[in-house]
Amino acid sequence: MAQFHLAECYHNGLGVDRDHTKAVELYRSLADRGMAQAQIALGGCYEAGEGVDQDFDTAIEWYSKASNQGSDDDWLCKHLMAACLYYGFGTTKNQTKAAGIFEQLAKDGHSDSQFWIGECYLHGEGVSKDKERAFEWFSKSADQGNSYGQWMVGECYYWGHEVTEDLTKAAELFCKSAEQGNRNGQERLGLCYLYGRGVPSNFDTAIIWYRKSADQDDWNAIIRLKSLGKWP
């Protein structure tokens, strides 16, 4: 268990510099020995592309291993089952059924599921497209401190989607997401600093955030750094 806590420290930057690659190494060591918590954490790294290349297939494999052990986290098992249905991993693709599961879990207050059902409504996948409901679910997720929810609500304020455009609010939300290590939030915060949108223009700070995002293999950040002559 001490090794798992150490992995969490590296993953979240608690008491040590954040190092997703090191966290993945530790998670994998425990996951290979059958620790369900580590298998779920490792799956999350593959899903988010933290410390490894983003790979949904491998993420689902690790989630499934945890689920097959009868993980105590019942909501997560349901959430992962919905993700399998959403993408058609190991089962017939059924986004309608996936959205139904995500929405029920979202109503139960789970922030990850709130983000996912928001995505379903945003893109009309498994449900009728409804950007207003998407914003509502993203906001519920963000209100619980979910970095993906914060990023997406920031996007809404940035572009004025279903809410009055507010670049200052957008930058604040991107910052909250970025500080949790979310590469999407980091890339968007870099954009804000580069062009002075919602924050004072600061080229050096923009590059710092772009690099943090690029270090997690965010392609948009890498492209931007290349265009600015700052990559590699």
Protein backbone atom coordinates (compact mmCIF):
# COMPACT_ATOMS: atom_id res chain seq x y z
CA MET A 1 0.00 0.00 0.00
CA ALA A 2 2.93 2.35 0.67
CA GLN A 3 4.00 1.96 -2.95
CA PHE A 4 0.50 2.88 -4.13
CA HIS A 5 0.51 6.02 -1.98
CA LEU A 6 3.92 6.93 -3.42
CA ALA A 7 2.51 6.50 -6.92
CA GLU A 8 -0.38 8.80 -5.99
CA CYS A 9 2.12 11.39 -4.76
CA TYR A 10 3.99 11.31 -8.07
CA HIS A 11 0.74 11.39 -10.03
CA ASN A 12 -0.69 14.37 -8.15
CA GLY A 13 2.52 16.17 -7.23
CA LEU A 14 2.00 15.78 -3.49
CA GLY A 15 5.27 16.38 -1.65
CA VAL A 16 7.27 15.61 -4.80
CA ASP A 17 7.46 17.02 -8.29
CA ARG A 18 4.62 15.68 -10.44
CA ASP A 19 5.99 12.80 -12.53
CA HIS A 20 3.35 10.85 -14.41
CA THR A 21 5.92 8.51 -15.94
CA LYS A 22 7.18 7.48 -12.50
CA ALA A 23 3.60 7.12 -11.27
CA VAL A 24 2.80 4.80 -14.18
CA GLU A 25 5.83 2.65 -13.38
CA LEU A 26 4.67 2.24 -9.79
CA TYR A 27 1.03 1.67 -10.72
CA ARG A 28 2.04 -0.96 -13.28
CA SER A 29 4.18 -2.83 -10.78
CA LEU A 30 1.22 -3.12 -8.42
CA ALA A 31 -1.34 -3.70 -11.20
CA ASP A 32 0.68 -6.63 -12.52
CA ARG A 33 0.44 -8.13 -9.04
CA GLY A 34 -3.35 -7.86 -9.11
CA MET A 35 -4.02 -4.74 -7.04
CA ALA A 36 -7.40 -3.46 -8.24
CA GLN A 37 -6.80 0.14 -7.14
CA ALA A 38 -3.58 0.27 -9.14
CA GLN A 39 -5.26 -1.32 -12.16
CA ILE A 40 -7.93 1.39 -12.08
CA ALA A 41 -5.31 4.12 -11.64
CA LEU A 42 -3.21 2.72 -14.49
CA GLY A 43 -6.29 2.55 -16.70
CA GLY A 44 -6.91 6.19 -15.88
CA CYS A 45 -3.40 7.10 -16.99
CA TYR A 46 -3.95 5.39 -20.33
CA GLU A 47 -7.36 7.04 -20.71
CA ALA A 48 -5.96 10.52 -20.05
CA GLY A 49 -2.57 9.98 -21.68
CA GLU A 50 -0.71 10.72 -18.46
CA GLY A 51 2.79 9.24 -18.44
CA VAL A 52 1.91 7.01 -21.40
CA ASP A 53 0.48 7.48 -24.88
CA GLN A 54 -3.29 7.84 -24.74
CA ASP A 55 -4.72 4.40 -25.48
CA PHE A 56 -8.39 3.72 -24.73
CA ASP A 57 -8.08 0.01 -25.55
CA THR A 58 -5.37 -0.49 -22.94
CA ALA A 59 -7.31 1.66 -20.47
CA ILE A 60 -10.35 -0.59 -20.82
CA GLU A 61 -8.18 -3.71 -20.44
CA TRP A 62 -6.96 -2.50 -17.06
CA TYR A 63 -10.40 -1.35 -15.98
CA SER A 64 -11.78 -4.77 -16.91
CA LYS A 65 -9.14 -6.53 -14.85
CA ALA A 66 -10.13 -4.45 -11.83
CA SER A 67 -13.81 -5.07 -12.47
CA ASN A 68 -13.27 -8.83 -12.77
CA GLN A 69 -11.84 -8.81 -9.26
CA GLY A 70 -15.08 -7.40 -7.92
CA SER A 71 -13.77 -3.95 -7.06
CA ASP A 72 -15.60 -2.34 -4.17
CA ASP A 73 -16.05 0.80 -6.26
CA ASP A 74 -19.35 -0.27 -7.83
CA TRP A 75 -20.06 3.07 -9.51
CA LEU A 76 -16.68 2.98 -11.23
CA CYS A 77 -17.33 -0.49 -12.59
CA LYS A 78 -20.63 0.76 -14.03
CA HIS A 79 -18.90 3.83 -15.43
CA LEU A 80 -16.25 1.66 -17.09
CA MET A 81 -18.91 -0.63 -18.50
CA ALA A 82 -20.56 2.44 -20.02
CA ALA A 83 -17.22 3.50 -21.50
CA CYS A 84 -16.87 0.07 -23.11
CA LEU A 85 -20.35 0.41 -24.62
CA TYR A 86 -19.60 3.96 -25.74
CA TYR A 87 -16.50 2.97 -27.69
CA GLY A 88 -17.43 -0.63 -28.48
CA PHE A 89 -14.48 -2.07 -26.60
CA GLY A 90 -15.01 -5.79 -25.97
CA THR A 91 -18.73 -5.47 -26.64
CA THR A 92 -21.17 -4.18 -29.26
CA LYS A 93 -21.07 -0.41 -29.46
CA ASN A 94 -24.23 1.06 -27.94
CA GLN A 95 -23.96 4.75 -27.17
CA THR A 96 -27.63 5.03 -26.20
CA LYS A 97 -27.17 2.48 -23.42
CA ALA A 98 -23.85 4.06 -22.45
CA ALA A 99 -25.43 7.50 -22.16
CA GLY A 100 -28.19 6.07 -19.98
CA ILE A 101 -25.65 4.65 -17.55
CA PHE A 102 -23.55 7.83 -17.55
CA GLU A 103 -26.61 9.96 -16.83
CA GLN A 104 -27.80 7.80 -13.94
CA LEU A 105 -24.33 7.87 -12.38
CA ALA A 106 -24.18 11.62 -13.04
CA LYS A 107 -27.45 12.09 -11.18
CA ASP A 108 -25.91 10.14 -8.29
CA GLY A 109 -23.25 12.85 -8.13
CA HIS A 110 -20.20 11.26 -9.77
CA SER A 111 -18.17 14.02 -11.43
CA ASP A 112 -16.48 11.83 -14.07
CA SER A 113 -19.87 10.55 -15.23
CA GLN A 114 -21.19 14.12 -15.23
CA PHE A 115 -18.40 15.08 -17.61
CA TRP A 116 -19.08 12.11 -19.88
CA ILE A 117 -22.84 12.67 -20.13
CA GLY A 118 -22.02 16.30 -20.88
CA GLU A 119 -19.91 15.08 -23.79
CA CYS A 120 -22.80 12.88 -24.95
CA TYR A 121 -25.19 15.84 -25.00
CA LEU A 122 -22.61 18.12 -26.59
CA HIS A 123 -22.04 15.82 -29.55
CA GLY A 124 -25.43 14.10 -29.69
CA GLU A 125 -23.99 10.66 -28.97
CA GLY A 126 -26.56 8.31 -27.46
CA VAL A 127 -28.87 11.24 -26.73
CA SER A 128 -30.28 14.14 -28.73
CA LYS A 129 -27.76 16.97 -29.07
CA ASP A 130 -28.48 19.55 -26.38
CA LYS A 131 -25.70 22.05 -25.68
CA GLU A 132 -27.62 23.61 -22.80
CA ARG A 133 -27.82 20.31 -20.94
CA ALA A 134 -24.20 19.62 -21.82
CA PHE A 135 -23.21 22.89 -20.14
CA GLU A 136 -25.31 22.02 -17.07
CA TRP A 137 -23.53 18.67 -16.64
CA PHE A 138 -20.08 20.13 -17.30
CA SER A 139 -20.82 22.75 -14.65
CA LYS A 140 -21.88 20.14 -12.09
CA SER A 141 -18.64 18.26 -12.77
CA ALA A 142 -16.55 21.43 -12.50
CA ASP A 143 -18.26 22.43 -9.26
CA GLN A 144 -16.90 19.22 -7.73
CA GLY A 145 -13.37 20.12 -8.79
CA ASN A 146 -13.20 17.75 -11.74
CA SER A 147 -10.38 18.99 -13.99
CA TYR A 148 -12.14 17.87 -17.18
CA GLY A 149 -15.35 19.58 -16.14
CA GLN A 150 -13.40 22.75 -15.37
CA TRP A 151 -11.71 22.62 -18.76
CA MET A 152 -14.99 22.22 -20.64
CA VAL A 153 -16.82 24.96 -18.72
CA GLY A 154 -13.80 27.13 -19.46
CA GLU A 155 -14.27 26.33 -23.15
CA CYS A 156 -17.90 27.40 -22.92
CA TYR A 157 -16.98 30.75 -21.37
CA TYR A 158 -14.11 31.20 -23.81
CA TRP A 159 -16.31 30.79 -26.88
CA GLY A 160 -19.60 32.00 -25.43
CA HIS A 161 -21.32 28.64 -25.85
CA GLU A 162 -24.58 28.51 -23.84
CA VAL A 163 -23.25 31.30 -21.62
CA THR A 164 -22.12 34.90 -22.06
CA GLU A 165 -18.52 35.04 -23.25
CA ASP A 166 -16.23 35.77 -20.30
CA LEU A 167 -12.52 35.38 -21.02
CA THR A 168 -11.52 36.14 -17.43
CA LYS A 169 -13.79 33.37 -16.13
CA ALA A 170 -12.52 31.04 -18.85
CA ALA A 171 -8.90 31.66 -17.88
CA GLU A 172 -9.72 31.06 -14.20
CA LEU A 173 -11.27 27.69 -15.03
CA PHE A 174 -8.44 26.71 -17.35
CA CYS A 175 -6.03 27.58 -14.54
CA LYS A 176 -7.88 25.37 -12.03
CA SER A 177 -7.83 22.51 -14.52
CA ALA A 178 -4.19 23.09 -15.47
CA GLU A 179 -3.02 23.18 -11.86
CA GLN A 180 -4.48 19.70 -11.40
CA GLY A 181 -2.28 18.48 -14.25
CA ASN A 182 -4.95 18.35 -16.95
CA ARG A 183 -3.14 18.73 -20.26
CA ASN A 184 -6.21 20.18 -21.98
CA GLY A 185 -6.51 22.91 -19.38
CA GLN A 186 -2.76 23.55 -19.59
CA GLU A 187 -2.90 23.97 -23.38
CA ARG A 188 -5.82 26.38 -23.17
CA LEU A 189 -4.21 28.38 -20.36
CA GLY A 190 -1.10 28.68 -22.51
CA LEU A 191 -3.29 30.10 -25.28
CA CYS A 192 -4.78 32.64 -22.88
CA TYR A 193 -1.35 33.88 -21.79
CA LEU A 194 -0.02 33.91 -25.34
CA TYR A 195 -2.72 36.26 -26.60
CA GLY A 196 -3.68 37.98 -23.33
CA ARG A 197 -7.18 36.55 -23.23
CA GLY A 198 -8.58 36.81 -19.72
CA VAL A 199 -5.08 37.27 -18.28
CA PRO A 200 -2.23 39.71 -19.03
CA SER A 201 -0.24 38.63 -22.07
CA ASN A 202 2.91 36.83 -20.96
CA PHE A 203 4.90 34.90 -23.53
CA ASP A 204 7.16 33.10 -21.03
CA THR A 205 4.23 31.94 -18.92
CA ALA A 206 2.43 30.78 -22.06
CA ILE A 207 5.45 28.65 -23.01
CA ILE A 208 5.60 27.14 -19.52
CA TRP A 209 2.00 25.94 -19.74
CA TYR A 210 2.35 24.77 -23.32
CA ARG A 211 5.38 22.72 -22.31
CA LYS A 212 3.54 21.14 -19.40
CA SER A 213 0.80 20.12 -21.81
CA ALA A 214 3.23 18.97 -24.51
CA ASP A 215 5.10 16.87 -21.95
CA GLN A 216 1.85 14.92 -21.66
CA ASP A 217 1.78 14.49 -25.46
CA ASP A 218 -0.93 17.05 -26.19
CA TRP A 219 -0.61 17.50 -29.94
CA ASN A 220 -2.13 21.00 -30.02
CA ALA A 221 0.48 22.20 -27.53
CA ILE A 222 3.29 20.56 -29.49
CA ILE A 223 2.12 22.19 -32.74
CA ARG A 224 1.95 25.59 -31.03
CA LEU A 225 5.44 25.23 -29.57
CA LYS A 226 6.80 24.23 -32.97
CA SER A 227 5.20 27.29 -34.57
CA LEU A 228 6.82 29.47 -31.89
CA GLY A 229 10.23 27.84 -32.35
CA LYS A 230 10.11 26.38 -28.83
CA TRP A 231 9.97 22.65 -29.64
CA PRO A 232 11.74 20.47 -28.87
